[in-house]
Amino acid sequence: MSDERSARIRAEADRIIALGECSEMLAPYEVHQSTIGTWLDAMGYDNDRFRRGEAPPSMAQVWTMPGLGRRRGPEDPLSRMTEFLTAEGYTAVLGTNCEQSYERYLRVGERPRVTSALDSVAGPKTTAMGEGWFVTSRNVWYVGDEVVATMLFRVLKFIPKERP
């Protein structure tokens, strides 16, 4: 990897983080029981509490995912950083981990919103997949002004190793 490319990547990450660029998305739909039921069925999980108006906490992200045919806005910092890395030759992506915390369960009829900010960019790193950068976003879900969940989401953007 060239020192110039590394410097460009670090500069872009530092710029996005320093500016505090943040995106915000309102859930396209309210929390509703049919989606909760479908999720419970798909996961093979049953709990009467979630059949009576509350959503499992691990569903927080479900309500604000762009879904098929929709994209995150151009101001989304995770998308901006991963697109920058793609332009620099890091074309592959691998989800590595997420850390979630829940303040309270969402209820049927609520319409959450999520904010997303770039938390950190670490690299270059040599991994089993190839050379890459770990990109972490910080996501916070709200109902009104109340924080209901948070998540650090980390992906690896990498150049795949050549195979013999």
N, C-alpha and C. Protein backbone atom coordinates (compact mmCIF):
# COMPACT_ATOMS: atom_id res chain seq x y z
N MET A 1 0.84 -1.19 0.00
CA MET A 1 0.00 0.00 0.00
C MET A 1 0.87 1.24 0.00
N SER A 2 0.48 2.24 -0.76
CA SER A 2 1.28 3.46 -0.82
C SER A 2 0.98 4.35 0.37
N ASP A 3 2.03 5.06 0.80
CA ASP A 3 1.85 6.01 1.88
C ASP A 3 0.89 7.12 1.48
N GLU A 4 0.90 7.48 0.19
CA GLU A 4 -0.01 8.52 -0.30
C GLU A 4 -1.46 8.09 -0.16
N ARG A 5 -1.75 6.87 -0.55
CA ARG A 5 -3.12 6.37 -0.46
C ARG A 5 -3.56 6.30 1.00
N SER A 6 -2.68 5.81 1.85
CA SER A 6 -2.99 5.75 3.28
C SER A 6 -3.26 7.15 3.83
N ALA A 7 -2.47 8.11 3.42
CA ALA A 7 -2.65 9.50 3.89
C ALA A 7 -3.99 10.06 3.41
N ARG A 8 -4.37 9.77 2.17
CA ARG A 8 -5.67 10.24 1.65
C ARG A 8 -6.83 9.65 2.46
N ILE A 9 -6.72 8.35 2.75
CA ILE A 9 -7.79 7.68 3.49
C ILE A 9 -7.88 8.24 4.90
N ARG A 10 -6.75 8.39 5.56
CA ARG A 10 -6.77 8.97 6.91
C ARG A 10 -7.32 10.39 6.91
N ALA A 11 -6.94 11.18 5.91
CA ALA A 11 -7.42 12.57 5.83
C ALA A 11 -8.94 12.62 5.65
N GLU A 12 -9.47 11.75 4.79
CA GLU A 12 -10.93 11.74 4.58
C GLU A 12 -11.66 11.30 5.83
N ALA A 13 -11.15 10.25 6.49
CA ALA A 13 -11.78 9.79 7.73
C ALA A 13 -11.74 10.89 8.79
N ASP A 14 -10.58 11.52 8.96
CA ASP A 14 -10.45 12.59 9.95
C ASP A 14 -11.39 13.76 9.63
N ARG A 15 -11.53 14.08 8.34
CA ARG A 15 -12.41 15.18 7.93
C ARG A 15 -13.86 14.88 8.31
N ILE A 16 -14.33 13.68 7.97
CA ILE A 16 -15.72 13.32 8.25
C ILE A 16 -15.97 13.30 9.76
N ILE A 17 -15.05 12.73 10.52
CA ILE A 17 -15.21 12.64 11.97
C ILE A 17 -15.15 14.04 12.60
N ALA A 18 -14.17 14.85 12.19
CA ALA A 18 -14.00 16.19 12.77
C ALA A 18 -15.20 17.09 12.50
N LEU A 19 -15.78 16.97 11.33
CA LEU A 19 -16.95 17.79 10.99
C LEU A 19 -18.20 17.31 11.71
N GLY A 20 -18.13 16.10 12.26
CA GLY A 20 -19.30 15.57 12.95
C GLY A 20 -20.45 15.30 12.00
N GLU A 21 -20.10 14.97 10.75
CA GLU A 21 -21.14 14.70 9.76
C GLU A 21 -22.02 13.57 10.25
N CYS A 22 -23.31 13.76 10.09
CA CYS A 22 -24.27 12.81 10.63
C CYS A 22 -25.46 12.73 9.68
N SER A 23 -25.99 11.54 9.52
CA SER A 23 -27.21 11.41 8.73
C SER A 23 -28.35 11.06 9.68
N GLU A 24 -29.54 11.30 9.21
CA GLU A 24 -30.72 10.97 10.01
C GLU A 24 -31.77 10.38 9.09
N MET A 25 -32.43 9.34 9.58
CA MET A 25 -33.48 8.69 8.78
C MET A 25 -34.65 8.35 9.67
N LEU A 26 -35.82 8.76 9.25
CA LEU A 26 -37.06 8.39 9.93
C LEU A 26 -37.52 7.06 9.35
N ALA A 27 -37.95 6.17 10.21
CA ALA A 27 -38.46 4.88 9.74
C ALA A 27 -39.57 5.12 8.72
N PRO A 28 -39.57 4.37 7.62
CA PRO A 28 -40.61 4.59 6.63
C PRO A 28 -42.00 4.17 7.11
N TYR A 29 -42.03 3.28 8.13
CA TYR A 29 -43.31 2.80 8.65
C TYR A 29 -43.25 2.78 10.18
N GLU A 30 -44.41 2.80 10.77
CA GLU A 30 -44.50 2.64 12.22
C GLU A 30 -44.17 1.20 12.59
N VAL A 31 -43.75 0.99 13.82
CA VAL A 31 -43.57 -0.36 14.35
C VAL A 31 -44.95 -1.03 14.29
N HIS A 32 -45.02 -2.22 13.69
CA HIS A 32 -46.32 -2.88 13.60
C HIS A 32 -46.21 -4.37 13.90
N GLN A 33 -47.32 -4.87 14.39
CA GLN A 33 -47.35 -6.23 14.92
C GLN A 33 -47.07 -7.29 13.86
N SER A 34 -47.51 -7.08 12.64
CA SER A 34 -47.30 -8.12 11.63
C SER A 34 -45.81 -8.32 11.34
N THR A 35 -45.03 -7.25 11.31
CA THR A 35 -43.60 -7.39 11.09
C THR A 35 -42.93 -8.05 12.29
N ILE A 36 -43.37 -7.71 13.49
CA ILE A 36 -42.84 -8.35 14.69
C ILE A 36 -43.11 -9.86 14.63
N GLY A 37 -44.35 -10.23 14.29
CA GLY A 37 -44.70 -11.65 14.20
C GLY A 37 -43.89 -12.38 13.15
N THR A 38 -43.70 -11.76 11.99
CA THR A 38 -42.89 -12.38 10.93
C THR A 38 -41.45 -12.57 11.39
N TRP A 39 -40.90 -11.57 12.08
CA TRP A 39 -39.53 -11.67 12.60
C TRP A 39 -39.43 -12.79 13.63
N LEU A 40 -40.40 -12.87 14.55
CA LEU A 40 -40.38 -13.94 15.56
C LEU A 40 -40.42 -15.32 14.89
N ASP A 41 -41.29 -15.45 13.88
CA ASP A 41 -41.39 -16.72 13.16
C ASP A 41 -40.08 -17.06 12.45
N ALA A 42 -39.47 -16.07 11.79
CA ALA A 42 -38.23 -16.31 11.05
C ALA A 42 -37.09 -16.71 12.00
N MET A 43 -37.09 -16.14 13.20
CA MET A 43 -36.04 -16.44 14.16
C MET A 43 -36.33 -17.69 14.99
N GLY A 44 -37.54 -18.21 14.85
CA GLY A 44 -37.91 -19.38 15.65
C GLY A 44 -38.00 -19.05 17.13
N TYR A 45 -38.43 -17.84 17.41
CA TYR A 45 -38.48 -17.36 18.79
C TYR A 45 -39.91 -16.96 19.10
N ASP A 46 -40.36 -17.30 20.29
CA ASP A 46 -41.71 -16.91 20.66
C ASP A 46 -41.70 -16.41 22.09
N ASN A 47 -42.41 -15.32 22.29
CA ASN A 47 -42.52 -14.72 23.60
C ASN A 47 -43.82 -13.92 23.57
N ASP A 48 -44.73 -14.23 24.48
CA ASP A 48 -46.03 -13.56 24.48
C ASP A 48 -45.90 -12.04 24.54
N ARG A 49 -44.89 -11.57 25.25
CA ARG A 49 -44.68 -10.12 25.37
C ARG A 49 -44.60 -9.47 23.99
N PHE A 50 -43.94 -10.16 23.03
CA PHE A 50 -43.75 -9.60 21.71
C PHE A 50 -44.91 -9.90 20.76
N ARG A 51 -45.88 -10.63 21.23
CA ARG A 51 -47.09 -10.85 20.45
C ARG A 51 -48.19 -9.88 20.90
N ARG A 52 -47.85 -9.02 21.89
CA ARG A 52 -48.85 -8.11 22.46
C ARG A 52 -48.41 -6.65 22.47
N GLY A 53 -47.71 -6.22 21.41
CA GLY A 53 -47.48 -4.78 21.28
C GLY A 53 -46.10 -4.25 21.54
N GLU A 54 -45.15 -5.10 21.90
CA GLU A 54 -43.77 -4.64 22.05
C GLU A 54 -42.90 -5.37 21.04
N ALA A 55 -41.86 -4.69 20.57
CA ALA A 55 -40.93 -5.30 19.61
C ALA A 55 -39.71 -5.82 20.34
N PRO A 56 -39.18 -6.96 19.94
CA PRO A 56 -37.93 -7.43 20.52
C PRO A 56 -36.86 -6.35 20.36
N PRO A 57 -36.06 -6.11 21.37
CA PRO A 57 -35.09 -5.02 21.28
C PRO A 57 -34.12 -5.18 20.12
N SER A 58 -33.76 -6.41 19.78
CA SER A 58 -32.81 -6.62 18.69
C SER A 58 -33.39 -6.28 17.31
N MET A 59 -34.66 -5.88 17.27
CA MET A 59 -35.27 -5.44 16.02
C MET A 59 -35.08 -3.94 15.77
N ALA A 60 -34.42 -3.23 16.66
CA ALA A 60 -34.31 -1.77 16.52
C ALA A 60 -33.89 -1.36 15.11
N GLN A 61 -32.88 -2.04 14.58
CA GLN A 61 -32.36 -1.68 13.27
C GLN A 61 -33.35 -1.99 12.15
N VAL A 62 -34.19 -2.98 12.33
CA VAL A 62 -35.13 -3.40 11.30
C VAL A 62 -36.00 -2.24 10.81
N TRP A 63 -36.44 -1.41 11.71
CA TRP A 63 -37.41 -0.36 11.37
C TRP A 63 -36.82 0.73 10.49
N THR A 64 -35.52 0.91 10.53
CA THR A 64 -34.91 2.02 9.78
C THR A 64 -33.95 1.56 8.68
N MET A 65 -33.95 0.28 8.37
CA MET A 65 -33.11 -0.18 7.26
C MET A 65 -33.71 0.31 5.95
N PRO A 66 -32.86 0.69 4.98
CA PRO A 66 -33.40 1.23 3.73
C PRO A 66 -34.29 0.25 2.97
N GLY A 67 -34.04 -1.04 3.05
CA GLY A 67 -34.88 -1.99 2.34
C GLY A 67 -34.53 -2.08 0.87
N LEU A 68 -35.20 -2.98 0.18
CA LEU A 68 -34.94 -3.17 -1.24
C LEU A 68 -35.38 -1.95 -2.04
N GLY A 69 -34.53 -1.53 -2.95
CA GLY A 69 -34.89 -0.42 -3.83
C GLY A 69 -34.65 0.96 -3.24
N ARG A 70 -34.34 1.05 -1.97
CA ARG A 70 -34.05 2.36 -1.38
C ARG A 70 -32.58 2.39 -0.99
N ARG A 71 -32.01 3.58 -0.94
CA ARG A 71 -30.60 3.73 -0.57
C ARG A 71 -30.48 4.74 0.56
N ARG A 72 -29.39 4.64 1.27
CA ARG A 72 -29.10 5.65 2.28
C ARG A 72 -28.80 6.97 1.57
N GLY A 73 -29.08 8.06 2.24
CA GLY A 73 -28.83 9.38 1.65
C GLY A 73 -27.36 9.63 1.40
N PRO A 74 -27.04 10.55 0.52
CA PRO A 74 -25.65 10.84 0.19
C PRO A 74 -24.87 11.43 1.37
N GLU A 75 -25.58 11.92 2.37
CA GLU A 75 -24.92 12.49 3.55
C GLU A 75 -24.55 11.42 4.59
N ASP A 76 -24.94 10.16 4.36
CA ASP A 76 -24.65 9.10 5.32
C ASP A 76 -23.14 8.90 5.43
N PRO A 77 -22.55 9.11 6.62
CA PRO A 77 -21.09 9.05 6.76
C PRO A 77 -20.49 7.67 6.55
N LEU A 78 -21.18 6.61 6.92
CA LEU A 78 -20.66 5.26 6.67
C LEU A 78 -20.59 5.00 5.17
N SER A 79 -21.65 5.36 4.46
CA SER A 79 -21.66 5.18 3.01
C SER A 79 -20.58 6.03 2.35
N ARG A 80 -20.41 7.26 2.81
CA ARG A 80 -19.39 8.13 2.22
C ARG A 80 -18.00 7.55 2.41
N MET A 81 -17.73 7.03 3.60
CA MET A 81 -16.39 6.50 3.86
C MET A 81 -16.17 5.20 3.09
N THR A 82 -17.17 4.34 3.05
CA THR A 82 -16.97 3.08 2.32
C THR A 82 -16.87 3.33 0.81
N GLU A 83 -17.59 4.31 0.29
CA GLU A 83 -17.46 4.66 -1.13
C GLU A 83 -16.08 5.23 -1.41
N PHE A 84 -15.54 6.03 -0.49
CA PHE A 84 -14.19 6.57 -0.64
C PHE A 84 -13.18 5.43 -0.70
N LEU A 85 -13.33 4.46 0.20
CA LEU A 85 -12.41 3.31 0.22
C LEU A 85 -12.54 2.49 -1.07
N THR A 86 -13.75 2.35 -1.58
CA THR A 86 -13.94 1.64 -2.84
C THR A 86 -13.17 2.34 -3.95
N ALA A 87 -13.27 3.66 -4.00
CA ALA A 87 -12.54 4.43 -5.02
C ALA A 87 -11.03 4.28 -4.86
N GLU A 88 -10.57 3.99 -3.65
CA GLU A 88 -9.14 3.80 -3.39
C GLU A 88 -8.70 2.35 -3.63
N GLY A 89 -9.62 1.49 -4.09
CA GLY A 89 -9.27 0.13 -4.44
C GLY A 89 -9.72 -0.93 -3.45
N TYR A 90 -10.33 -0.52 -2.34
CA TYR A 90 -10.82 -1.47 -1.33
C TYR A 90 -12.26 -1.81 -1.68
N THR A 91 -12.40 -2.80 -2.55
CA THR A 91 -13.70 -3.06 -3.18
C THR A 91 -14.58 -4.07 -2.46
N ALA A 92 -14.01 -4.84 -1.55
CA ALA A 92 -14.78 -5.88 -0.86
C ALA A 92 -15.18 -5.40 0.53
N VAL A 93 -16.28 -5.94 1.02
CA VAL A 93 -16.75 -5.55 2.35
C VAL A 93 -17.16 -6.81 3.11
N LEU A 94 -16.88 -6.77 4.39
CA LEU A 94 -17.24 -7.88 5.27
C LEU A 94 -17.71 -7.28 6.60
N GLY A 95 -18.92 -7.63 7.02
CA GLY A 95 -19.38 -7.21 8.34
C GLY A 95 -18.56 -7.92 9.39
N THR A 96 -18.09 -7.21 10.37
CA THR A 96 -17.26 -7.85 11.38
C THR A 96 -17.94 -7.96 12.72
N ASN A 97 -18.57 -6.89 13.18
CA ASN A 97 -19.29 -7.01 14.44
C ASN A 97 -20.15 -5.78 14.70
N CYS A 98 -21.02 -5.91 15.68
CA CYS A 98 -21.78 -4.76 16.16
C CYS A 98 -21.97 -4.92 17.66
N GLU A 99 -22.03 -3.78 18.31
CA GLU A 99 -22.28 -3.73 19.75
C GLU A 99 -23.55 -2.92 19.95
N GLN A 100 -24.57 -3.54 20.52
CA GLN A 100 -25.85 -2.87 20.69
C GLN A 100 -26.19 -2.72 22.15
N SER A 101 -26.93 -1.66 22.45
CA SER A 101 -27.50 -1.51 23.79
C SER A 101 -28.92 -0.99 23.61
N TYR A 102 -29.79 -1.38 24.53
CA TYR A 102 -31.20 -1.04 24.43
C TYR A 102 -31.64 -0.35 25.70
N GLU A 103 -32.25 0.80 25.52
CA GLU A 103 -32.76 1.56 26.67
C GLU A 103 -34.17 1.11 27.02
N ARG A 104 -34.96 0.81 25.97
CA ARG A 104 -36.30 0.28 26.20
C ARG A 104 -36.80 -0.34 24.91
N TYR A 105 -37.85 -1.15 25.03
CA TYR A 105 -38.43 -1.80 23.87
C TYR A 105 -39.28 -0.79 23.10
N LEU A 106 -39.28 -0.95 21.77
CA LEU A 106 -40.19 -0.16 20.95
C LEU A 106 -41.59 -0.74 21.06
N ARG A 107 -42.58 0.13 20.87
CA ARG A 107 -43.98 -0.29 20.97
C ARG A 107 -44.68 -0.11 19.62
N VAL A 108 -45.65 -0.96 19.38
CA VAL A 108 -46.46 -0.84 18.17
C VAL A 108 -47.01 0.58 18.08
N GLY A 109 -46.91 1.16 16.88
CA GLY A 109 -47.41 2.52 16.63
C GLY A 109 -46.31 3.57 16.69
N GLU A 110 -45.17 3.27 17.30
CA GLU A 110 -44.08 4.25 17.34
C GLU A 110 -43.35 4.26 16.00
N ARG A 111 -42.77 5.40 15.68
CA ARG A 111 -42.01 5.54 14.44
C ARG A 111 -40.63 6.07 14.78
N PRO A 112 -39.66 5.16 14.94
CA PRO A 112 -38.32 5.60 15.36
C PRO A 112 -37.57 6.30 14.23
N ARG A 113 -36.53 7.02 14.63
CA ARG A 113 -35.59 7.60 13.68
C ARG A 113 -34.20 7.21 14.16
N VAL A 114 -33.26 7.20 13.25
CA VAL A 114 -31.89 6.82 13.58
C VAL A 114 -30.94 7.90 13.07
N THR A 115 -29.92 8.19 13.86
CA THR A 115 -28.83 9.03 13.40
C THR A 115 -27.60 8.14 13.26
N SER A 116 -26.76 8.48 12.31
CA SER A 116 -25.56 7.69 12.07
C SER A 116 -24.38 8.64 11.87
N ALA A 117 -23.30 8.37 12.59
CA ALA A 117 -22.08 9.17 12.47
C ALA A 117 -20.89 8.23 12.34
N LEU A 118 -19.84 8.70 11.69
CA LEU A 118 -18.62 7.91 11.59
C LEU A 118 -17.90 8.00 12.92
N ASP A 119 -17.62 6.85 13.53
CA ASP A 119 -16.98 6.79 14.84
C ASP A 119 -15.47 6.66 14.72
N SER A 120 -15.00 5.75 13.86
CA SER A 120 -13.55 5.57 13.69
C SER A 120 -13.25 4.83 12.41
N VAL A 121 -12.01 5.01 11.95
CA VAL A 121 -11.49 4.28 10.80
C VAL A 121 -10.08 3.85 11.18
N ALA A 122 -9.83 2.54 11.18
CA ALA A 122 -8.54 2.00 11.61
C ALA A 122 -7.91 1.19 10.49
N GLY A 123 -6.66 1.50 10.21
CA GLY A 123 -5.97 0.76 9.18
C GLY A 123 -4.72 1.48 8.74
N PRO A 124 -4.07 0.97 7.76
CA PRO A 124 -4.38 -0.29 7.10
C PRO A 124 -4.04 -1.49 7.98
N LYS A 125 -4.81 -2.54 7.84
CA LYS A 125 -4.62 -3.77 8.60
C LYS A 125 -4.47 -4.94 7.62
N THR A 126 -3.61 -5.86 7.96
CA THR A 126 -3.47 -7.07 7.17
C THR A 126 -4.31 -8.14 7.85
N THR A 127 -5.29 -8.67 7.11
CA THR A 127 -6.18 -9.69 7.66
C THR A 127 -6.14 -10.93 6.78
N ALA A 128 -6.78 -11.98 7.22
CA ALA A 128 -6.86 -13.20 6.43
C ALA A 128 -7.58 -12.97 5.11
N MET A 129 -8.45 -11.95 5.06
CA MET A 129 -9.20 -11.66 3.84
C MET A 129 -8.39 -10.81 2.86
N GLY A 130 -7.47 -10.02 3.39
CA GLY A 130 -6.68 -9.11 2.57
C GLY A 130 -6.41 -7.84 3.35
N GLU A 131 -5.69 -6.93 2.73
CA GLU A 131 -5.40 -5.66 3.39
C GLU A 131 -6.65 -4.80 3.42
N GLY A 132 -6.91 -4.17 4.57
CA GLY A 132 -8.13 -3.38 4.65
C GLY A 132 -8.16 -2.38 5.77
N TRP A 133 -9.30 -1.75 5.88
CA TRP A 133 -9.58 -0.72 6.88
C TRP A 133 -10.86 -1.09 7.61
N PHE A 134 -10.84 -0.97 8.93
CA PHE A 134 -12.05 -1.19 9.74
C PHE A 134 -12.75 0.16 9.90
N VAL A 135 -14.01 0.19 9.49
CA VAL A 135 -14.81 1.41 9.52
C VAL A 135 -15.96 1.20 10.50
N THR A 136 -16.04 2.07 11.50
CA THR A 136 -17.05 1.93 12.55
C THR A 136 -17.99 3.13 12.54
N SER A 137 -19.28 2.84 12.53
CA SER A 137 -20.29 3.92 12.64
C SER A 137 -20.98 3.81 13.99
N ARG A 138 -21.47 4.94 14.47
CA ARG A 138 -22.24 5.01 15.72
C ARG A 138 -23.66 5.38 15.34
N ASN A 139 -24.60 4.50 15.70
CA ASN A 139 -26.01 4.70 15.36
C ASN A 139 -26.82 4.84 16.64
N VAL A 140 -27.73 5.79 16.64
CA VAL A 140 -28.58 6.03 17.81
C VAL A 140 -30.03 6.11 17.33
N TRP A 141 -30.89 5.29 17.94
CA TRP A 141 -32.32 5.30 17.60
C TRP A 141 -33.08 6.09 18.66
N TYR A 142 -34.05 6.85 18.18
CA TYR A 142 -34.88 7.72 19.02
C TYR A 142 -36.35 7.49 18.72
N VAL A 143 -37.16 7.74 19.74
CA VAL A 143 -38.59 7.96 19.55
C VAL A 143 -38.80 9.35 20.15
N GLY A 144 -39.16 10.30 19.29
CA GLY A 144 -39.15 11.70 19.73
C GLY A 144 -37.71 12.06 20.07
N ASP A 145 -37.49 12.60 21.27
CA ASP A 145 -36.14 12.94 21.73
C ASP A 145 -35.55 11.88 22.64
N GLU A 146 -36.28 10.79 22.86
CA GLU A 146 -35.84 9.74 23.77
C GLU A 146 -34.95 8.71 23.05
N VAL A 147 -33.76 8.47 23.58
CA VAL A 147 -32.88 7.43 23.04
C VAL A 147 -33.45 6.08 23.44
N VAL A 148 -33.65 5.19 22.44
CA VAL A 148 -34.18 3.86 22.74
C VAL A 148 -33.16 2.76 22.47
N ALA A 149 -32.16 3.02 21.62
CA ALA A 149 -31.14 2.00 21.34
C ALA A 149 -29.91 2.66 20.72
N THR A 150 -28.76 2.01 20.88
CA THR A 150 -27.53 2.48 20.24
C THR A 150 -26.80 1.27 19.65
N MET A 151 -25.97 1.54 18.65
CA MET A 151 -25.19 0.46 18.05
C MET A 151 -23.90 1.02 17.45
N LEU A 152 -22.80 0.36 17.76
CA LEU A 152 -21.56 0.55 17.01
C LEU A 152 -21.53 -0.56 15.98
N PHE A 153 -21.36 -0.20 14.71
CA PHE A 153 -21.36 -1.18 13.62
C PHE A 153 -20.04 -1.08 12.88
N ARG A 154 -19.34 -2.20 12.78
CA ARG A 154 -17.99 -2.20 12.20
C ARG A 154 -17.94 -3.11 10.98
N VAL A 155 -17.37 -2.58 9.89
CA VAL A 155 -17.16 -3.36 8.69
C VAL A 155 -15.69 -3.29 8.31
N LEU A 156 -15.25 -4.28 7.56
CA LEU A 156 -13.91 -4.30 7.00
C LEU A 156 -14.04 -4.06 5.50
N LYS A 157 -13.43 -2.99 5.01
CA LYS A 157 -13.33 -2.74 3.57
C LYS A 157 -11.94 -3.19 3.18
N PHE A 158 -11.83 -4.11 2.23
CA PHE A 158 -10.53 -4.69 1.96
C PHE A 158 -10.29 -4.96 0.48
N ILE A 159 -9.02 -5.18 0.16
CA ILE A 159 -8.61 -5.64 -1.16
C ILE A 159 -8.44 -7.15 -1.03
N PRO A 160 -9.27 -7.92 -1.71
CA PRO A 160 -9.18 -9.38 -1.55
C PRO A 160 -7.81 -9.91 -1.94
N LYS A 161 -7.35 -10.88 -1.16
CA LYS A 161 -6.08 -11.54 -1.48
C LYS A 161 -6.23 -12.28 -2.80
N GLU A 162 -5.17 -12.28 -3.57
CA GLU A 162 -5.18 -13.05 -4.80
C GLU A 162 -5.09 -14.52 -4.47
N ARG A 163 -5.83 -15.33 -5.19
CA ARG A 163 -5.83 -16.77 -4.97
C ARG A 163 -4.97 -17.44 -6.03
N PRO A 164 -4.24 -18.48 -5.64
CA PRO A 164 -3.38 -19.14 -6.62
C PRO A 164 -4.18 -19.85 -7.70
